[in-house]
Amino acid sequence: MTDSTETPEIRVDHVGVAVHSVDEAEPLLTLLGAEKLVHEEDPTGAFRWAYYLLGDASRVELIEPVEGEDSFLTDFLAENGPGMHHVTLEVADMDAAIATLEAEEIRVVDRTDYDEWSEAFVSPRNPTGVLWQLMEYRESFADERPDPERLYIGGKRLSES
């Protein structure tokens, strides 16, 4: 890797776990002391996600398929069963993060810009074998969600820090 003059601000936001049912998986997280913050459907309608807070900063996301919908998630569960799906990294500047990766020939795929966030994925065909999700939260992400200050690590979006 070449030296870069400035590395974009990035931090681990959450770990995503694929499950058949949030309701069935949630009791384990509850036993581990997790508190559910959000449970809602993805804008594409292909899956639902639930965020759980563990302690002051650790978060886990459970993702479950929407019944009757074929998606990347139903394919993943059919092939692998429930388990680790992705690691999400919050980035302060999506364009800068992608440029840094692509300058080193790291493949970034499936960038999508929603009203409330932008996301892109680093193909798991990288040296770690992990699917990395890059996410840049927009100010509107916290609108109409409970406890907006608790949705972010340290209470603020990385771009606000």
C-alpha atoms as a PDB file:
ATOM      1  CA  MET A   1       0.000   0.000   0.000  1.00  0.00           C
ATOM      2  CA  THR A   2       1.151   3.482  -0.756  1.00  0.00           C
ATOM      3  CA  ASP A   3       1.429   6.170   1.883  1.00  0.00           C
ATOM      4  CA  SER A   4      -1.537   8.507   2.005  1.00  0.00           C
ATOM      5  CA  THR A   5      -1.280  12.056   3.224  1.00  0.00           C
ATOM      6  CA  GLU A   6      -4.614  11.856   5.012  1.00  0.00           C
ATOM      7  CA  THR A   7      -6.700   8.854   6.009  1.00  0.00           C
ATOM      8  CA  PRO A   8     -10.451   9.557   6.035  1.00  0.00           C
ATOM      9  CA  GLU A   9     -12.127   9.455   9.451  1.00  0.00           C
ATOM     10  CA  ILE A  10     -13.568   5.968   9.971  1.00  0.00           C
ATOM     11  CA  ARG A  11     -14.818   4.015  12.989  1.00  0.00           C
ATOM     12  CA  VAL A  12     -16.588   0.715  13.582  1.00  0.00           C
ATOM     13  CA  ASP A  13     -20.312   1.394  13.811  1.00  0.00           C
ATOM     14  CA  HIS A  14     -21.769  -2.092  14.213  1.00  0.00           C
ATOM     15  CA  VAL A  15     -21.516  -5.759  13.363  1.00  0.00           C
ATOM     16  CA  GLY A  16     -24.328  -7.171  11.221  1.00  0.00           C
ATOM     17  CA  VAL A  17     -25.643 -10.653  11.961  1.00  0.00           C
ATOM     18  CA  ALA A  18     -27.979 -12.433   9.542  1.00  0.00           C
ATOM     19  CA  VAL A  19     -30.846 -14.287  11.220  1.00  0.00           C
ATOM     20  CA  HIS A  20     -34.039 -15.971  10.093  1.00  0.00           C
ATOM     21  CA  SER A  21     -36.014 -14.090  12.736  1.00  0.00           C
ATOM     22  CA  VAL A  22     -35.174 -11.113  14.925  1.00  0.00           C
ATOM     23  CA  ASP A  23     -37.832 -12.244  17.408  1.00  0.00           C
ATOM     24  CA  GLU A  24     -36.110 -15.619  17.803  1.00  0.00           C
ATOM     25  CA  ALA A  25     -32.573 -14.176  18.025  1.00  0.00           C
ATOM     26  CA  GLU A  26     -33.331 -11.200  20.246  1.00  0.00           C
ATOM     27  CA  PRO A  27     -33.600 -13.107  23.573  1.00  0.00           C
ATOM     28  CA  LEU A  28     -29.905 -13.965  23.391  1.00  0.00           C
ATOM     29  CA  LEU A  29     -28.968 -10.320  22.913  1.00  0.00           C
ATOM     30  CA  THR A  30     -31.261  -9.389  25.792  1.00  0.00           C
ATOM     31  CA  LEU A  31     -29.488 -11.931  28.026  1.00  0.00           C
ATOM     32  CA  LEU A  32     -26.200 -10.298  27.037  1.00  0.00           C
ATOM     33  CA  GLY A  33     -27.534  -6.933  28.193  1.00  0.00           C
ATOM     34  CA  ALA A  34     -28.345  -5.451  24.786  1.00  0.00           C
ATOM     35  CA  GLU A  35     -31.031  -2.806  24.419  1.00  0.00           C
ATOM     36  CA  LYS A  36     -33.001  -2.527  21.163  1.00  0.00           C
ATOM     37  CA  LEU A  37     -32.890   0.968  19.684  1.00  0.00           C
ATOM     38  CA  VAL A  38     -34.538   0.515  16.275  1.00  0.00           C
ATOM     39  CA  HIS A  39     -36.389  -2.208  14.347  1.00  0.00           C
ATOM     40  CA  GLU A  40     -37.577  -1.283  10.879  1.00  0.00           C
ATOM     41  CA  GLU A  41     -37.730  -2.316   7.254  1.00  0.00           C
ATOM     42  CA  ASP A  42     -34.946  -1.479   4.822  1.00  0.00           C
ATOM     43  CA  PRO A  43     -35.909   1.092   2.147  1.00  0.00           C
ATOM     44  CA  THR A  44     -35.677  -1.635  -0.519  1.00  0.00           C
ATOM     45  CA  GLY A  45     -38.270  -3.764   1.286  1.00  0.00           C
ATOM     46  CA  ALA A  46     -36.015  -6.848   1.111  1.00  0.00           C
ATOM     47  CA  PHE A  47     -35.185  -7.135   4.804  1.00  0.00           C
ATOM     48  CA  ARG A  48     -35.723  -5.714   8.285  1.00  0.00           C
ATOM     49  CA  TRP A  49     -32.962  -4.580  10.608  1.00  0.00           C
ATOM     50  CA  ALA A  50     -32.755  -4.013  14.330  1.00  0.00           C
ATOM     51  CA  TYR A  51     -30.012  -2.087  16.140  1.00  0.00           C
ATOM     52  CA  TYR A  52     -28.989  -3.082  19.648  1.00  0.00           C
ATOM     53  CA  LEU A  53     -26.822  -1.080  22.019  1.00  0.00           C
ATOM     54  CA  LEU A  54     -24.361  -2.913  24.271  1.00  0.00           C
ATOM     55  CA  GLY A  55     -22.797  -0.688  26.892  1.00  0.00           C
ATOM     56  CA  ASP A  56     -21.764   2.819  25.888  1.00  0.00           C
ATOM     57  CA  ALA A  57     -20.648   2.275  22.311  1.00  0.00           C
ATOM     58  CA  SER A  58     -20.877  -1.312  21.077  1.00  0.00           C
ATOM     59  CA  ARG A  59     -23.692  -2.115  18.718  1.00  0.00           C
ATOM     60  CA  VAL A  60     -25.016  -5.170  16.942  1.00  0.00           C
ATOM     61  CA  GLU A  61     -27.455  -5.224  14.056  1.00  0.00           C
ATOM     62  CA  LEU A  62     -29.703  -8.208  13.385  1.00  0.00           C
ATOM     63  CA  ILE A  63     -30.956  -8.461   9.815  1.00  0.00           C
ATOM     64  CA  GLU A  64     -33.857 -10.710   8.856  1.00  0.00           C
ATOM     65  CA  PRO A  65     -35.482 -11.341   5.479  1.00  0.00           C
ATOM     66  CA  VAL A  66     -38.988 -10.136   4.746  1.00  0.00           C
ATOM     67  CA  GLU A  67     -41.204 -13.187   4.341  1.00  0.00           C
ATOM     68  CA  GLY A  68     -41.900 -14.018   0.723  1.00  0.00           C
ATOM     69  CA  GLU A  69     -39.084 -11.814  -0.638  1.00  0.00           C
ATOM     70  CA  ASP A  70     -36.027 -13.299  -2.328  1.00  0.00           C
ATOM     71  CA  SER A  71     -32.946 -11.191  -1.689  1.00  0.00           C
ATOM     72  CA  PHE A  72     -29.233 -11.249  -0.987  1.00  0.00           C
ATOM     73  CA  LEU A  73     -30.197 -12.126   2.589  1.00  0.00           C
ATOM     74  CA  THR A  74     -32.329 -15.164   1.748  1.00  0.00           C
ATOM     75  CA  ASP A  75     -29.481 -16.358  -0.491  1.00  0.00           C
ATOM     76  CA  PHE A  76     -26.947 -15.779   2.303  1.00  0.00           C
ATOM     77  CA  LEU A  77     -29.051 -17.650   4.876  1.00  0.00           C
ATOM     78  CA  ALA A  78     -29.689 -20.551   2.478  1.00  0.00           C
ATOM     79  CA  GLU A  79     -25.985 -20.911   1.789  1.00  0.00           C
ATOM     80  CA  ASN A  80     -24.497 -20.126   5.212  1.00  0.00           C
ATOM     81  CA  GLY A  81     -27.252 -20.215   7.818  1.00  0.00           C
ATOM     82  CA  PRO A  82     -27.474 -17.546  10.520  1.00  0.00           C
ATOM     83  CA  GLY A  83     -24.283 -15.785  11.470  1.00  0.00           C
ATOM     84  CA  MET A  84     -21.867 -12.959  10.883  1.00  0.00           C
ATOM     85  CA  HIS A  85     -22.797 -11.044   7.729  1.00  0.00           C
ATOM     86  CA  HIS A  86     -20.872  -7.747   7.682  1.00  0.00           C
ATOM     87  CA  VAL A  87     -18.971  -5.131   9.633  1.00  0.00           C
ATOM     88  CA  THR A  88     -20.178  -1.560   9.189  1.00  0.00           C
ATOM     89  CA  LEU A  89     -17.697   1.275   9.275  1.00  0.00           C
ATOM     90  CA  GLU A  90     -19.053   4.772   9.706  1.00  0.00           C
ATOM     91  CA  VAL A  91     -17.200   7.213   7.476  1.00  0.00           C
ATOM     92  CA  ALA A  92     -17.191  10.989   7.754  1.00  0.00           C
ATOM     93  CA  ASP A  93     -16.835  11.408   3.981  1.00  0.00           C
ATOM     94  CA  MET A  94     -18.030   8.584   1.704  1.00  0.00           C
ATOM     95  CA  ASP A  95     -16.348   9.987  -1.425  1.00  0.00           C
ATOM     96  CA  ALA A  96     -12.970  10.300   0.326  1.00  0.00           C
ATOM     97  CA  ALA A  97     -13.204   6.791   1.813  1.00  0.00           C
ATOM     98  CA  ILE A  98     -14.054   5.241  -1.562  1.00  0.00           C
ATOM     99  CA  ALA A  99     -11.294   7.202  -3.308  1.00  0.00           C
ATOM    100  CA  THR A 100      -8.739   5.980  -0.746  1.00  0.00           C
ATOM    101  CA  LEU A 101      -9.764   2.352  -1.246  1.00  0.00           C
ATOM    102  CA  GLU A 102     -10.007   2.513  -5.027  1.00  0.00           C
ATOM    103  CA  ALA A 103      -6.571   4.185  -5.241  1.00  0.00           C
ATOM    104  CA  GLU A 104      -5.233   0.928  -3.809  1.00  0.00           C
ATOM    105  CA  GLU A 105      -7.374  -1.183  -6.181  1.00  0.00           C
ATOM    106  CA  ILE A 106      -9.765  -2.298  -3.440  1.00  0.00           C
ATOM    107  CA  ARG A 107     -13.119  -3.051  -5.063  1.00  0.00           C
ATOM    108  CA  VAL A 108     -16.033  -0.961  -3.732  1.00  0.00           C
ATOM    109  CA  VAL A 109     -19.485  -2.037  -4.935  1.00  0.00           C
ATOM    110  CA  ASP A 110     -23.158  -1.207  -4.600  1.00  0.00           C
ATOM    111  CA  ARG A 111     -22.999   2.422  -3.551  1.00  0.00           C
ATOM    112  CA  THR A 112     -26.468   3.706  -2.751  1.00  0.00           C
ATOM    113  CA  ASP A 113     -27.439   7.171  -1.592  1.00  0.00           C
ATOM    114  CA  TYR A 114     -30.628   7.282   0.481  1.00  0.00           C
ATOM    115  CA  ASP A 115     -32.175  10.393   2.014  1.00  0.00           C
ATOM    116  CA  GLU A 116     -30.888   9.414   5.471  1.00  0.00           C
ATOM    117  CA  TRP A 117     -27.541   7.776   4.688  1.00  0.00           C
ATOM    118  CA  SER A 118     -25.140   6.658   1.980  1.00  0.00           C
ATOM    119  CA  GLU A 119     -23.702   3.183   1.886  1.00  0.00           C
ATOM    120  CA  ALA A 120     -21.238   1.191  -0.169  1.00  0.00           C
ATOM    121  CA  PHE A 121     -19.639  -2.198   0.271  1.00  0.00           C
ATOM    122  CA  VAL A 122     -16.095  -3.487   0.028  1.00  0.00           C
ATOM    123  CA  SER A 123     -16.321  -6.800  -1.758  1.00  0.00           C
ATOM    124  CA  PRO A 124     -15.467  -9.737   0.513  1.00  0.00           C
ATOM    125  CA  ARG A 125     -12.967 -10.746  -2.164  1.00  0.00           C
ATOM    126  CA  ASN A 126     -10.390  -8.723  -0.250  1.00  0.00           C
ATOM    127  CA  PRO A 127      -7.538  -9.985   1.948  1.00  0.00           C
ATOM    128  CA  THR A 128      -9.783 -10.109   5.060  1.00  0.00           C
ATOM    129  CA  GLY A 129     -12.602 -12.087   3.429  1.00  0.00           C
ATOM    130  CA  VAL A 130     -15.058  -9.792   5.256  1.00  0.00           C
ATOM    131  CA  LEU A 131     -17.921  -7.853   3.703  1.00  0.00           C
ATOM    132  CA  TRP A 132     -17.309  -4.285   4.870  1.00  0.00           C
ATOM    133  CA  GLN A 133     -20.191  -1.827   4.698  1.00  0.00           C
ATOM    134  CA  LEU A 134     -19.231   1.833   4.538  1.00  0.00           C
ATOM    135  CA  MET A 135     -21.938   4.140   5.896  1.00  0.00           C
ATOM    136  CA  GLU A 136     -22.159   7.899   6.031  1.00  0.00           C
ATOM    137  CA  TYR A 137     -25.074   9.087   8.145  1.00  0.00           C
ATOM    138  CA  ARG A 138     -26.926  12.216   7.142  1.00  0.00           C
ATOM    139  CA  GLU A 139     -28.435  14.571   9.702  1.00  0.00           C
ATOM    140  CA  SER A 140     -31.953  13.305   8.882  1.00  0.00           C
ATOM    141  CA  PHE A 141     -31.106   9.719   9.989  1.00  0.00           C
ATOM    142  CA  ALA A 142     -32.122  10.508  13.571  1.00  0.00           C
ATOM    143  CA  ASP A 143     -35.386  12.215  12.556  1.00  0.00           C
ATOM    144  CA  GLU A 144     -38.438  10.313  13.811  1.00  0.00           C
ATOM    145  CA  ARG A 145     -36.327   7.618  15.482  1.00  0.00           C
ATOM    146  CA  PRO A 146     -36.352   7.274  19.276  1.00  0.00           C
ATOM    147  CA  ASP A 147     -33.326   8.382  21.296  1.00  0.00           C
ATOM    148  CA  PRO A 148     -31.490  10.062  18.409  1.00  0.00           C
ATOM    149  CA  GLU A 149     -28.434  10.860  20.548  1.00  0.00           C
ATOM    150  CA  ARG A 150     -28.029   7.129  21.258  1.00  0.00           C
ATOM    151  CA  LEU A 151     -28.080   6.094  17.599  1.00  0.00           C
ATOM    152  CA  TYR A 152     -24.481   7.177  17.064  1.00  0.00           C
ATOM    153  CA  ILE A 153     -21.243   6.153  18.712  1.00  0.00           C
ATOM    154  CA  GLY A 154     -20.495   8.875  21.265  1.00  0.00           C
ATOM    155  CA  GLY A 155     -23.837  10.544  20.533  1.00  0.00           C
ATOM    156  CA  LYS A 156     -22.749  12.213  17.282  1.00  0.00           C
ATOM    157  CA  ARG A 157     -22.345  11.324  13.636  1.00  0.00           C
ATOM    158  CA  LEU A 158     -18.660  11.006  12.761  1.00  0.00           C
ATOM    159  CA  SER A 159     -18.939  13.979  10.406  1.00  0.00           C
ATOM    160  CA  GLU A 160     -20.018  16.090  13.419  1.00  0.00           C
ATOM    161  CA  SER A 161     -17.092  15.097  15.637  1.00  0.00           C
END
